[in-house]
C-alpha atoms as a PDB file:
ATOM      1  CA  MET A   1       0.000   0.000   0.000  1.00  0.00           C
ATOM      2  CA  SER A   2       1.402   3.420  -0.996  1.00  0.00           C
ATOM      3  CA  THR A   3       1.829   6.235   1.525  1.00  0.00           C
ATOM      4  CA  SER A   4      -1.113   8.164   0.046  1.00  0.00           C
ATOM      5  CA  ASN A   5      -3.409   5.116   0.034  1.00  0.00           C
ATOM      6  CA  PHE A   6      -2.449   4.319   3.612  1.00  0.00           C
ATOM      7  CA  THR A   7      -3.275   7.913   4.591  1.00  0.00           C
ATOM      8  CA  ASP A   8      -6.685   7.620   2.936  1.00  0.00           C
ATOM      9  CA  PHE A   9      -7.299   4.323   4.726  1.00  0.00           C
ATOM     10  CA  LEU A  10      -6.553   5.874   8.122  1.00  0.00           C
ATOM     11  CA  ALA A  11      -8.532   9.039   7.369  1.00  0.00           C
ATOM     12  CA  ASN A  12     -11.647   7.046   6.521  1.00  0.00           C
ATOM     13  CA  LEU A  13     -11.604   4.311   9.158  1.00  0.00           C
ATOM     14  CA  SER A  14     -15.104   3.837  10.488  1.00  0.00           C
ATOM     15  CA  LEU A  15     -15.963   4.301  14.160  1.00  0.00           C
ATOM     16  CA  ILE A  16     -16.723   0.571  14.463  1.00  0.00           C
ATOM     17  CA  TRP A  17     -13.179  -0.301  13.333  1.00  0.00           C
ATOM     18  CA  ILE A  18     -11.634   2.236  15.714  1.00  0.00           C
ATOM     19  CA  VAL A  19     -13.616   1.015  18.715  1.00  0.00           C
ATOM     20  CA  GLY A  20     -12.787  -2.573  17.739  1.00  0.00           C
ATOM     21  CA  VAL A  21      -9.035  -1.860  17.605  1.00  0.00           C
ATOM     22  CA  ILE A  22      -9.130  -0.042  20.971  1.00  0.00           C
ATOM     23  CA  THR A  23     -11.131  -2.884  22.558  1.00  0.00           C
ATOM     24  CA  PHE A  24      -8.808  -5.548  21.167  1.00  0.00           C
ATOM     25  CA  ALA A  25      -5.663  -3.645  22.251  1.00  0.00           C
ATOM     26  CA  THR A  26      -7.159  -3.068  25.726  1.00  0.00           C
ATOM     27  CA  ALA A  27      -7.919  -6.772  26.129  1.00  0.00           C
ATOM     28  CA  ILE A  28      -4.324  -7.713  25.215  1.00  0.00           C
ATOM     29  CA  ARG A  29      -2.951  -5.065  27.594  1.00  0.00           C
ATOM     30  CA  LEU A  30      -5.053  -6.382  30.499  1.00  0.00           C
ATOM     31  CA  ALA A  31      -3.801  -9.907  29.805  1.00  0.00           C
ATOM     32  CA  LEU A  32      -0.168  -8.763  29.681  1.00  0.00           C
ATOM     33  CA  VAL A  33      -0.206  -6.776  32.918  1.00  0.00           C
ATOM     34  CA  ARG A  34      -1.129  -9.969  34.794  1.00  0.00           C
ATOM     35  CA  LEU A  35       2.024 -11.686  33.627  1.00  0.00           C
ATOM     36  CA  PRO A  36       5.136 -11.491  35.862  1.00  0.00           C
ATOM     37  CA  SER A  37       7.512 -10.970  32.929  1.00  0.00           C
ATOM     38  CA  PRO A  38       9.098  -7.459  32.722  1.00  0.00           C
ATOM     39  CA  SER A  39       8.946  -7.622  28.913  1.00  0.00           C
ATOM     40  CA  ALA A  40       5.204  -8.349  29.061  1.00  0.00           C
ATOM     41  CA  ARG A  41       4.712  -5.266  31.255  1.00  0.00           C
ATOM     42  CA  SER A  42       6.778  -3.161  28.811  1.00  0.00           C
ATOM     43  CA  VAL A  43       4.575  -4.266  25.931  1.00  0.00           C
ATOM     44  CA  ALA A  44       1.491  -3.472  28.053  1.00  0.00           C
ATOM     45  CA  GLU A  45       2.774   0.065  28.690  1.00  0.00           C
ATOM     46  CA  PHE A  46       3.440   0.501  24.967  1.00  0.00           C
ATOM     47  CA  LEU A  47      -0.101  -0.657  24.169  1.00  0.00           C
ATOM     48  CA  GLU A  48      -1.502   1.749  26.761  1.00  0.00           C
ATOM     49  CA  SER A  49       0.269   4.664  25.057  1.00  0.00           C
ATOM     50  CA  GLY A  50      -1.020   3.482  21.683  1.00  0.00           C
ATOM     51  CA  ILE A  51      -4.602   3.223  22.958  1.00  0.00           C
ATOM     52  CA  VAL A  52      -4.462   6.784  24.289  1.00  0.00           C
ATOM     53  CA  ALA A  53      -2.968   8.048  20.991  1.00  0.00           C
ATOM     54  CA  ILE A  54      -5.596   6.269  18.889  1.00  0.00           C
ATOM     55  CA  GLY A  55      -8.355   7.620  21.116  1.00  0.00           C
ATOM     56  CA  LEU A  56      -7.059  11.196  20.814  1.00  0.00           C
ATOM     57  CA  VAL A  57      -6.594  11.061  17.041  1.00  0.00           C
ATOM     58  CA  PHE A  58      -9.721   9.173  16.012  1.00  0.00           C
ATOM     59  CA  LEU A  59     -12.210  10.100  18.751  1.00  0.00           C
ATOM     60  CA  LEU A  60     -11.230  13.734  19.359  1.00  0.00           C
ATOM     61  CA  ILE A  61      -8.971  15.258  16.690  1.00  0.00           C
ATOM     62  CA  ARG A  62     -10.580  13.719  13.593  1.00  0.00           C
ATOM     63  CA  PRO A  63     -14.253  14.311  14.540  1.00  0.00           C
ATOM     64  CA  PHE A  64     -13.811  17.805  15.991  1.00  0.00           C
ATOM     65  CA  LEU A  65     -10.494  19.362  14.920  1.00  0.00           C
ATOM     66  CA  ILE A  66      -8.704  18.171  11.767  1.00  0.00           C
ATOM     67  CA  GLN A  67      -9.341  15.464   9.168  1.00  0.00           C
ATOM     68  CA  ALA A  68      -7.595  14.365   5.966  1.00  0.00           C
ATOM     69  CA  PHE A  69      -9.409  14.175   2.636  1.00  0.00           C
ATOM     70  CA  PHE A  70      -8.443  13.064  -0.879  1.00  0.00           C
ATOM     71  CA  ILE A  71      -9.308  15.060  -4.038  1.00  0.00           C
ATOM     72  CA  PRO A  72     -10.555  12.586  -6.708  1.00  0.00           C
ATOM     73  CA  SER A  73     -11.871  14.916  -9.441  1.00  0.00           C
ATOM     74  CA  ALA A  74     -10.750  17.932 -11.480  1.00  0.00           C
ATOM     75  CA  SER A  75     -13.567  20.183 -10.221  1.00  0.00           C
ATOM     76  CA  MET A  76     -11.256  22.377  -8.089  1.00  0.00           C
ATOM     77  CA  GLU A  77      -8.340  22.677 -10.520  1.00  0.00           C
ATOM     78  CA  PRO A  78      -6.004  24.485 -10.684  1.00  0.00           C
ATOM     79  CA  THR A  79      -6.232  25.071  -6.899  1.00  0.00           C
ATOM     80  CA  LEU A  80      -6.569  21.368  -6.037  1.00  0.00           C
ATOM     81  CA  LEU A  81      -5.434  18.641  -8.410  1.00  0.00           C
ATOM     82  CA  GLY A  82      -7.652  15.644  -9.023  1.00  0.00           C
ATOM     83  CA  GLN A  83      -6.586  12.035  -9.388  1.00  0.00           C
ATOM     84  CA  GLN A  84      -5.468  12.404 -13.030  1.00  0.00           C
ATOM     85  CA  GLY A  85      -3.121  15.221 -12.007  1.00  0.00           C
ATOM     86  CA  ALA A  86      -1.645  13.208  -9.082  1.00  0.00           C
ATOM     87  CA  GLY A  87      -4.448  13.724  -6.561  1.00  0.00           C
ATOM     88  CA  ASP A  88      -4.017  16.191  -3.726  1.00  0.00           C
ATOM     89  CA  HIS A  89      -4.501  15.194  -0.097  1.00  0.00           C
ATOM     90  CA  ILE A  90      -5.749  17.978   2.138  1.00  0.00           C
ATOM     91  CA  LEU A  91      -6.206  18.662   5.840  1.00  0.00           C
ATOM     92  CA  VAL A  92      -9.501  20.238   6.814  1.00  0.00           C
ATOM     93  CA  ASN A  93      -9.951  22.509   9.819  1.00  0.00           C
ATOM     94  CA  LYS A  94     -13.222  21.388  11.443  1.00  0.00           C
ATOM     95  CA  LEU A  95     -12.928  23.566  14.540  1.00  0.00           C
ATOM     96  CA  GLY A  96     -13.253  26.936  12.777  1.00  0.00           C
ATOM     97  CA  ILE A  97     -16.784  26.174  11.599  1.00  0.00           C
ATOM     98  CA  ARG A  98     -17.791  25.806  15.245  1.00  0.00           C
ATOM     99  CA  LEU A  99     -16.295  29.180  16.170  1.00  0.00           C
ATOM    100  CA  HIS A 100     -17.542  31.417  13.349  1.00  0.00           C
ATOM    101  CA  PRO A 101     -19.870  31.247  10.316  1.00  0.00           C
ATOM    102  CA  PRO A 102     -18.450  30.073   6.962  1.00  0.00           C
ATOM    103  CA  ARG A 103     -16.757  32.859   5.008  1.00  0.00           C
ATOM    104  CA  ARG A 104     -16.770  33.838   1.366  1.00  0.00           C
ATOM    105  CA  GLU A 105     -13.895  32.414  -0.714  1.00  0.00           C
ATOM    106  CA  ASP A 106     -13.191  29.626   1.801  1.00  0.00           C
ATOM    107  CA  ILE A 107     -12.364  26.284   0.197  1.00  0.00           C
ATOM    108  CA  THR A 108     -14.988  24.234   1.959  1.00  0.00           C
ATOM    109  CA  VAL A 109     -15.607  20.524   2.551  1.00  0.00           C
ATOM    110  CA  PHE A 110     -19.237  19.492   3.010  1.00  0.00           C
ATOM    111  CA  ILE A 111     -21.540  16.493   2.909  1.00  0.00           C
ATOM    112  CA  ALA A 112     -23.036  16.414  -0.579  1.00  0.00           C
ATOM    113  CA  PRO A 113     -26.819  16.966  -0.700  1.00  0.00           C
ATOM    114  CA  PRO A 114     -29.015  14.157  -2.094  1.00  0.00           C
ATOM    115  CA  ALA A 115     -29.466  15.951  -5.437  1.00  0.00           C
ATOM    116  CA  ALA A 116     -25.686  16.000  -5.974  1.00  0.00           C
ATOM    117  CA  VAL A 117     -25.269  12.221  -5.689  1.00  0.00           C
ATOM    118  CA  GLU A 118     -28.585  11.118  -7.152  1.00  0.00           C
ATOM    119  CA  GLY A 119     -28.205   7.926  -9.164  1.00  0.00           C
ATOM    120  CA  THR A 120     -24.810   6.980  -7.702  1.00  0.00           C
ATOM    121  CA  ALA A 121     -23.859   3.861  -5.744  1.00  0.00           C
ATOM    122  CA  GLU A 122     -23.309   6.015  -2.650  1.00  0.00           C
ATOM    123  CA  ALA A 123     -26.852   7.353  -2.883  1.00  0.00           C
ATOM    124  CA  ALA A 124     -28.223   3.813  -3.163  1.00  0.00           C
ATOM    125  CA  SER A 125     -26.255   2.664  -0.120  1.00  0.00           C
ATOM    126  CA  GLY A 126     -26.896   5.800   1.931  1.00  0.00           C
ATOM    127  CA  THR A 127     -23.148   6.405   2.348  1.00  0.00           C
ATOM    128  CA  PRO A 128     -22.370  10.119   2.895  1.00  0.00           C
ATOM    129  CA  VAL A 129     -20.154  11.671   0.204  1.00  0.00           C
ATOM    130  CA  ASP A 130     -17.803  14.572   0.915  1.00  0.00           C
ATOM    131  CA  TYR A 131     -17.418  17.331  -1.675  1.00  0.00           C
ATOM    132  CA  VAL A 132     -14.953  20.209  -1.756  1.00  0.00           C
ATOM    133  CA  LYS A 133     -15.809  23.533  -3.441  1.00  0.00           C
ATOM    134  CA  ARG A 134     -15.208  27.235  -2.945  1.00  0.00           C
ATOM    135  CA  LEU A 135     -17.821  29.139  -0.953  1.00  0.00           C
ATOM    136  CA  ILE A 136     -18.986  31.983  -3.215  1.00  0.00           C
ATOM    137  CA  GLY A 137     -22.151  33.184  -1.473  1.00  0.00           C
ATOM    138  CA  VAL A 138     -23.456  33.425   2.099  1.00  0.00           C
ATOM    139  CA  PRO A 139     -27.092  33.883   3.177  1.00  0.00           C
ATOM    140  CA  GLY A 140     -28.575  37.019   1.628  1.00  0.00           C
ATOM    141  CA  ASP A 141     -26.006  37.253  -1.190  1.00  0.00           C
ATOM    142  CA  ARG A 142     -27.239  37.644  -4.768  1.00  0.00           C
ATOM    143  CA  ILE A 143     -25.184  35.455  -7.114  1.00  0.00           C
ATOM    144  CA  GLU A 144     -25.173  35.492 -10.906  1.00  0.00           C
ATOM    145  CA  ALA A 145     -22.872  34.375 -13.708  1.00  0.00           C
ATOM    146  CA  HIS A 146     -22.549  35.444 -17.320  1.00  0.00           C
ATOM    147  CA  ALA A 147     -21.221  33.112 -20.001  1.00  0.00           C
ATOM    148  CA  GLY A 148     -18.061  33.848 -21.933  1.00  0.00           C
ATOM    149  CA  ARG A 149     -18.253  33.708 -25.743  1.00  0.00           C
ATOM    150  CA  VAL A 150     -15.915  34.061 -28.697  1.00  0.00           C
ATOM    151  CA  ALA A 151     -17.419  35.473 -31.914  1.00  0.00           C
ATOM    152  CA  ILE A 152     -15.617  34.636 -35.178  1.00  0.00           C
ATOM    153  CA  ASN A 153     -16.980  36.554 -38.147  1.00  0.00           C
ATOM    154  CA  GLY A 154     -20.250  36.939 -36.255  1.00  0.00           C
ATOM    155  CA  THR A 155     -20.635  33.266 -35.237  1.00  0.00           C
ATOM    156  CA  GLU A 156     -20.458  32.621 -31.488  1.00  0.00           C
ATOM    157  CA  TYR A 157     -18.528  29.761 -29.885  1.00  0.00           C
ATOM    158  CA  SER A 158     -18.592  28.586 -26.263  1.00  0.00           C
ATOM    159  CA  HIS A 159     -15.632  27.134 -24.365  1.00  0.00           C
ATOM    160  CA  TYR A 160     -16.917  23.651 -25.172  1.00  0.00           C
ATOM    161  CA  THR A 161     -17.397  24.145 -28.913  1.00  0.00           C
ATOM    162  CA  LEU A 162     -14.137  26.080 -29.300  1.00  0.00           C
ATOM    163  CA  ARG A 163     -12.225  23.349 -27.427  1.00  0.00           C
ATOM    164  CA  GLN A 164     -13.690  20.723 -29.768  1.00  0.00           C
ATOM    165  CA  LYS A 165     -12.727  22.794 -32.810  1.00  0.00           C
ATOM    166  CA  PHE A 166      -9.175  23.150 -31.497  1.00  0.00           C
ATOM    167  CA  LEU A 167      -8.994  19.405 -30.910  1.00  0.00           C
ATOM    168  CA  GLU A 168     -10.284  18.547 -34.384  1.00  0.00           C
ATOM    169  CA  ASN A 169      -7.748  20.894 -35.965  1.00  0.00           C
ATOM    170  CA  GLY A 170      -4.778  19.465 -34.075  1.00  0.00           C
ATOM    171  CA  LEU A 171      -4.001  22.351 -31.740  1.00  0.00           C
ATOM    172  CA  PHE A 172      -3.767  19.966 -28.770  1.00  0.00           C
ATOM    173  CA  GLY A 173      -1.615  17.475 -30.650  1.00  0.00           C
ATOM    174  CA  GLN A 174      -2.082  13.965 -32.043  1.00  0.00           C
ATOM    175  CA  GLU A 175      -2.062  12.255 -28.642  1.00  0.00           C
ATOM    176  CA  ALA A 176      -5.081  14.252 -27.461  1.00  0.00           C
ATOM    177  CA  MET A 177      -6.927  13.461 -30.692  1.00  0.00           C
ATOM    178  CA  GLN A 178      -6.236   9.738 -30.321  1.00  0.00           C
ATOM    179  CA  ARG A 179      -7.115   9.611 -26.643  1.00  0.00           C
ATOM    180  CA  SER A 180     -10.391  11.464 -27.212  1.00  0.00           C
ATOM    181  CA  VAL A 181     -11.353   8.744 -29.699  1.00  0.00           C
ATOM    182  CA  ASN A 182      -9.951   5.673 -27.941  1.00  0.00           C
ATOM    183  CA  GLU A 183     -10.657   6.548 -24.301  1.00  0.00           C
ATOM    184  CA  PRO A 184     -14.357   7.201 -23.611  1.00  0.00           C
ATOM    185  CA  GLY A 185     -13.535   8.645 -20.182  1.00  0.00           C
ATOM    186  CA  TYR A 186     -10.836  11.020 -21.433  1.00  0.00           C
ATOM    187  CA  ASP A 187     -11.540  14.465 -19.993  1.00  0.00           C
ATOM    188  CA  LEU A 188     -10.427  17.008 -22.574  1.00  0.00           C
ATOM    189  CA  GLN A 189     -11.494  19.919 -20.371  1.00  0.00           C
ATOM    190  CA  ALA A 190      -9.383  18.718 -17.457  1.00  0.00           C
ATOM    191  CA  ASN A 191      -6.263  18.783 -19.625  1.00  0.00           C
ATOM    192  CA  PHE A 192      -6.873  21.893 -21.727  1.00  0.00           C
ATOM    193  CA  HIS A 193      -8.385  24.827 -19.859  1.00  0.00           C
ATOM    194  CA  LEU A 194      -9.671  27.599 -22.125  1.00  0.00           C
ATOM    195  CA  ARG A 195     -10.034  30.995 -20.514  1.00  0.00           C
ATOM    196  CA  PHE A 196     -11.640  33.947 -22.253  1.00  0.00           C
ATOM    197  CA  THR A 197      -9.954  37.130 -21.045  1.00  0.00           C
ATOM    198  CA  ASP A 198      -9.660  40.784 -21.980  1.00  0.00           C
ATOM    199  CA  LYS A 199      -6.361  39.838 -23.657  1.00  0.00           C
ATOM    200  CA  GLY A 200      -7.932  37.035 -25.703  1.00  0.00           C
ATOM    201  CA  VAL A 201      -8.223  33.262 -25.409  1.00  0.00           C
ATOM    202  CA  THR A 202      -5.655  31.354 -23.363  1.00  0.00           C
ATOM    203  CA  ILE A 203      -5.001  27.606 -23.213  1.00  0.00           C
ATOM    204  CA  ASN A 204      -3.495  26.615 -19.867  1.00  0.00           C
ATOM    205  CA  GLY A 205      -2.319  30.212 -19.500  1.00  0.00           C
ATOM    206  CA  THR A 206      -0.797  30.603 -22.984  1.00  0.00           C
ATOM    207  CA  VAL A 207      -2.424  33.227 -25.224  1.00  0.00           C
ATOM    208  CA  VAL A 208      -3.640  32.059 -28.634  1.00  0.00           C
ATOM    209  CA  PRO A 209      -3.540  34.882 -31.241  1.00  0.00           C
ATOM    210  CA  ASN A 210      -6.871  35.843 -32.790  1.00  0.00           C
ATOM    211  CA  THR A 211      -5.584  35.050 -36.282  1.00  0.00           C
ATOM    212  CA  LYS A 212      -4.694  31.527 -35.113  1.00  0.00           C
ATOM    213  CA  ILE A 213      -8.153  31.061 -33.587  1.00  0.00           C
ATOM    214  CA  ALA A 214      -9.875  32.189 -36.786  1.00  0.00           C
ATOM    215  CA  GLU A 215      -7.652  29.976 -38.938  1.00  0.00           C
ATOM    216  CA  LEU A 216      -8.147  26.841 -36.818  1.00  0.00           C
ATOM    217  CA  VAL A 217     -11.910  27.232 -36.552  1.00  0.00           C
ATOM    218  CA  THR A 218     -12.852  28.663 -39.960  1.00  0.00           C
ATOM    219  CA  GLY A 219      -9.768  28.341 -42.140  1.00  0.00           C
ATOM    220  CA  GLN A 220      -9.776  32.109 -42.606  1.00  0.00           C
ATOM    221  CA  PRO A 221      -7.142  33.872 -40.421  1.00  0.00           C
ATOM    222  CA  SER A 222      -8.430  37.287 -41.536  1.00  0.00           C
ATOM    223  CA  PHE A 223     -11.886  36.800 -40.030  1.00  0.00           C
ATOM    224  CA  PRO A 224     -12.531  39.195 -37.110  1.00  0.00           C
ATOM    225  CA  VAL A 225     -12.490  37.661 -33.622  1.00  0.00           C
ATOM    226  CA  THR A 226     -14.247  39.179 -30.604  1.00  0.00           C
ATOM    227  CA  VAL A 227     -13.653  37.733 -27.134  1.00  0.00           C
ATOM    228  CA  THR A 228     -16.237  38.311 -24.389  1.00  0.00           C
ATOM    229  CA  PRO A 229     -14.980  36.939 -21.046  1.00  0.00           C
ATOM    230  CA  GLY A 230     -17.445  35.240 -18.725  1.00  0.00           C
ATOM    231  CA  TYR A 231     -17.633  36.324 -15.100  1.00  0.00           C
ATOM    232  CA  THR A 232     -19.376  35.809 -11.768  1.00  0.00           C
ATOM    233  CA  MET A 233     -21.121  38.565  -9.819  1.00  0.00           C
ATOM    234  CA  ARG A 234     -22.012  38.856  -6.149  1.00  0.00           C
ATOM    235  CA  ASN A 235     -24.376  41.574  -4.941  1.00  0.00           C
ATOM    236  CA  GLY A 236     -23.947  43.441  -8.218  1.00  0.00           C
ATOM    237  CA  VAL A 237     -20.136  43.448  -8.111  1.00  0.00           C
ATOM    238  CA  ARG A 238     -18.073  41.561 -10.677  1.00  0.00           C
ATOM    239  CA  LEU A 239     -15.709  39.182  -8.882  1.00  0.00           C
ATOM    240  CA  ASP A 240     -11.995  38.963  -9.614  1.00  0.00           C
ATOM    241  CA  GLU A 241     -11.290  35.227  -9.508  1.00  0.00           C
ATOM    242  CA  PRO A 242      -7.718  34.478 -10.620  1.00  0.00           C
ATOM    243  CA  PHE A 243      -7.961  31.033  -8.971  1.00  0.00           C
ATOM    244  CA  THR A 244     -10.428  29.678 -11.563  1.00  0.00           C
ATOM    245  CA  ALA A 245      -9.439  27.368 -14.431  1.00  0.00           C
ATOM    246  CA  GLU A 246     -11.949  28.916 -16.841  1.00  0.00           C
ATOM    247  CA  ASP A 247     -14.477  31.722 -16.861  1.00  0.00           C
ATOM    248  CA  PRO A 248     -18.103  30.482 -16.781  1.00  0.00           C
ATOM    249  CA  ASP A 249     -19.582  28.897 -19.893  1.00  0.00           C
ATOM    250  CA  TYR A 250     -23.131  29.407 -18.598  1.00  0.00           C
ATOM    251  CA  ASP A 251     -25.607  32.065 -17.484  1.00  0.00           C
ATOM    252  CA  LEU A 252     -26.877  31.816 -13.924  1.00  0.00           C
ATOM    253  CA  LYS A 253     -29.285  33.534 -11.543  1.00  0.00           C
ATOM    254  CA  ILE A 254     -30.887  32.784  -8.193  1.00  0.00           C
ATOM    255  CA  TYR A 255     -34.626  32.451  -8.721  1.00  0.00           C
ATOM    256  CA  GLU A 256     -36.737  32.040  -5.585  1.00  0.00           C
ATOM    257  CA  GLY A 257     -33.759  30.507  -3.774  1.00  0.00           C
ATOM    258  CA  GLN A 258     -32.938  28.069  -6.606  1.00  0.00           C
ATOM    259  CA  SER A 259     -30.254  27.975  -9.292  1.00  0.00           C
ATOM    260  CA  LEU A 260     -31.586  29.062 -12.692  1.00  0.00           C
ATOM    261  CA  LYS A 261     -29.011  28.007 -15.293  1.00  0.00           C
ATOM    262  CA  ALA A 262     -28.675  28.225 -19.077  1.00  0.00           C
ATOM    263  CA  ASP A 263     -25.822  26.050 -20.315  1.00  0.00           C
ATOM    264  CA  ASN A 264     -25.264  25.791 -24.096  1.00  0.00           C
ATOM    265  CA  GLY A 265     -28.911  25.249 -24.969  1.00  0.00           C
ATOM    266  CA  HIS A 266     -29.824  23.363 -21.780  1.00  0.00           C
ATOM    267  CA  TYR A 267     -32.079  25.047 -19.220  1.00  0.00           C
ATOM    268  CA  ARG A 268     -32.325  23.912 -15.598  1.00  0.00           C
ATOM    269  CA  LEU A 269     -33.784  24.941 -12.276  1.00  0.00           C
ATOM    270  CA  ASN A 270     -31.769  23.365  -9.436  1.00  0.00           C
ATOM    271  CA  GLY A 271     -30.530  20.813 -11.949  1.00  0.00           C
ATOM    272  CA  GLN A 272     -33.982  19.824 -13.200  1.00  0.00           C
ATOM    273  CA  PRO A 273     -34.580  20.386 -16.943  1.00  0.00           C
ATOM    274  CA  ILE A 274     -37.100  23.076 -17.828  1.00  0.00           C
ATOM    275  CA  LEU A 275     -38.462  24.414 -21.120  1.00  0.00           C
ATOM    276  CA  TYR A 276     -36.929  27.478 -22.701  1.00  0.00           C
ATOM    277  CA  SER A 277     -40.248  29.288 -22.300  1.00  0.00           C
ATOM    278  CA  GLU A 278     -40.123  28.635 -18.554  1.00  0.00           C
ATOM    279  CA  TYR A 279     -36.498  29.744 -18.373  1.00  0.00           C
ATOM    280  CA  ALA A 280     -37.244  32.941 -20.298  1.00  0.00           C
ATOM    281  CA  GLY A 281     -40.054  33.797 -17.897  1.00  0.00           C
ATOM    282  CA  TYR A 282     -38.011  33.155 -14.754  1.00  0.00           C
ATOM    283  CA  ASN A 283     -34.998  34.955 -16.211  1.00  0.00           C
ATOM    284  CA  LYS A 284     -36.888  38.241 -16.425  1.00  0.00           C
ATOM    285  CA  ALA A 285     -36.636  38.600 -12.651  1.00  0.00           C
ATOM    286  CA  PRO A 286     -33.408  39.983 -11.149  1.00  0.00           C
ATOM    287  CA  THR A 287     -31.242  37.501  -9.294  1.00  0.00           C
ATOM    288  CA  GLY A 288     -32.630  36.933  -5.825  1.00  0.00           C
ATOM    289  CA  PRO A 289     -30.991  36.494  -2.405  1.00  0.00           C
ATOM    290  CA  LEU A 290     -29.790  33.221  -0.960  1.00  0.00           C
ATOM    291  CA  ALA A 291     -32.175  31.960   1.711  1.00  0.00           C
ATOM    292  CA  PRO A 292     -31.198  31.988   5.407  1.00  0.00           C
ATOM    293  CA  SER A 293     -28.732  29.239   6.396  1.00  0.00           C
ATOM    294  CA  THR A 294     -27.853  28.431   2.769  1.00  0.00           C
ATOM    295  CA  TYR A 295     -24.505  28.850   1.005  1.00  0.00           C
ATOM    296  CA  TYR A 296     -23.428  28.887  -2.620  1.00  0.00           C
ATOM    297  CA  MET A 297     -20.639  26.470  -3.591  1.00  0.00           C
ATOM    298  CA  MET A 298     -18.753  26.607  -6.902  1.00  0.00           C
ATOM    299  CA  GLY A 299     -15.742  24.644  -8.150  1.00  0.00           C
ATOM    300  CA  ASP A 300     -12.703  26.625  -9.269  1.00  0.00           C
ATOM    301  CA  ASN A 301     -12.865  24.604 -12.488  1.00  0.00           C
ATOM    302  CA  ARG A 302     -16.148  26.318 -13.309  1.00  0.00           C
ATOM    303  CA  ASN A 303     -17.072  24.365 -16.429  1.00  0.00           C
ATOM    304  CA  ASP A 304     -16.236  20.925 -15.031  1.00  0.00           C
ATOM    305  CA  SER A 305     -17.799  21.065 -11.594  1.00  0.00           C
ATOM    306  CA  LYS A 306     -21.018  19.602 -10.259  1.00  0.00           C
ATOM    307  CA  ASP A 307     -21.818  22.289  -7.726  1.00  0.00           C
ATOM    308  CA  SER A 308     -24.529  24.692  -6.542  1.00  0.00           C
ATOM    309  CA  THR A 309     -25.117  25.797 -10.132  1.00  0.00           C
ATOM    310  CA  GLU A 310     -26.437  22.265 -10.710  1.00  0.00           C
ATOM    311  CA  TRP A 311     -28.107  21.230  -7.458  1.00  0.00           C
ATOM    312  CA  GLY A 312     -28.777  24.564  -5.785  1.00  0.00           C
ATOM    313  CA  PRO A 313     -27.663  26.330  -2.600  1.00  0.00           C
ATOM    314  CA  LEU A 314     -26.249  24.181   0.204  1.00  0.00           C
ATOM    315  CA  GLU A 315     -27.777  23.871   3.660  1.00  0.00           C
ATOM    316  CA  GLY A 316     -25.330  25.188   6.235  1.00  0.00           C
ATOM    317  CA  ASN A 317     -25.593  22.138   8.497  1.00  0.00           C
ATOM    318  CA  ARG A 318     -23.855  20.067   5.811  1.00  0.00           C
ATOM    319  CA  ILE A 319     -20.593  22.014   6.037  1.00  0.00           C
ATOM    320  CA  VAL A 320     -17.749  19.981   7.566  1.00  0.00           C
ATOM    321  CA  GLY A 321     -14.923  22.514   7.625  1.00  0.00           C
ATOM    322  CA  LYS A 322     -12.418  24.652   5.769  1.00  0.00           C
ATOM    323  CA  ALA A 323      -9.673  23.084   3.634  1.00  0.00           C
ATOM    324  CA  GLN A 324      -6.500  24.484   5.188  1.00  0.00           C
ATOM    325  CA  TRP A 325      -3.453  22.651   3.802  1.00  0.00           C
ATOM    326  CA  ILE A 326      -2.272  20.318   1.051  1.00  0.00           C
ATOM    327  CA  PHE A 327      -0.051  17.754   2.781  1.00  0.00           C
ATOM    328  CA  TRP A 328       0.506  15.243  -0.033  1.00  0.00           C
ATOM    329  CA  PRO A 329       2.229  14.824  -2.462  1.00  0.00           C
ATOM    330  CA  LEU A 330       5.328  16.440  -0.964  1.00  0.00           C
ATOM    331  CA  SER A 331       5.880  18.632  -4.021  1.00  0.00           C
ATOM    332  CA  ARG A 332       2.436  20.186  -3.464  1.00  0.00           C
ATOM    333  CA  ILE A 333       2.651  20.999   0.266  1.00  0.00           C
ATOM    334  CA  GLN A 334       1.128  24.446   0.836  1.00  0.00           C
ATOM    335  CA  THR A 335      -1.395  26.491   2.778  1.00  0.00           C
ATOM    336  CA  LEU A 336      -4.688  26.960   0.925  1.00  0.00           C
ATOM    337  CA  HIS A 337      -6.322  30.328   0.327  1.00  0.00           C
END
């Protein structure tokens, strides 16, 4: 078992296992202390120290103070790397949530609501699932998002369609083209982040000239290109979010406490499909406030994150704590902000 897997195993030991280990170790210790042998008494003292340590770590520190978690998906990239990018292991401060309310911009671990895990094996078994996202809105905040678009000679392209065009025209290389065909689970978005900015379109931080974009997509490098960056707003103020992988590829409002989302021709209310006519009617209203005791969670990888934009605001009692540190792999050790 690797160091990281062993850490995950310890972090997720159930209470039954912990109590069983303590009970078993206690029984052996009691048997040893009755023996006259000095070595038996030494082993008993060692077991006693181990029992106390296990009790402190698993019955006090882990439930109430600090716990380790593993990042399996790309939804928080580039801040937290998912399994394909090595897989970050984080320590979560669980005490802070008991001392003060959750704060905007905190990277937050929480128990996923039923709508987030609907249809999964965990939902069927009733096993709680932990998610990690960034807290964007607190009760009373008004959240909205506006989709980024690139217009080439008057035709608009989203992040998704532009990424596919780049792939088809070889901008990402032959390996990406082959993997996209041969590997059904290959996540093109996780490997090639497109960001629409005031300076143009970037791929993983590298600017692509407008003439190159026009040539790859239309074959005509002289076609005019207009870039409109997407952005998120809170209480009428446009947020500066340098930690995101991409600007939003969707339009979003809060409608009667629910997430109203338009995503490349798909219209949803708290993740449930609705007709365009319904969306158009709801969308006439200004974005509303988050209800009391609810929080808005969004992944830093905005266009590859199943978050509050899909399943709605989160109930505050589901919040576990604030992600404080990356502790594994060693090359990624850092304090999180």
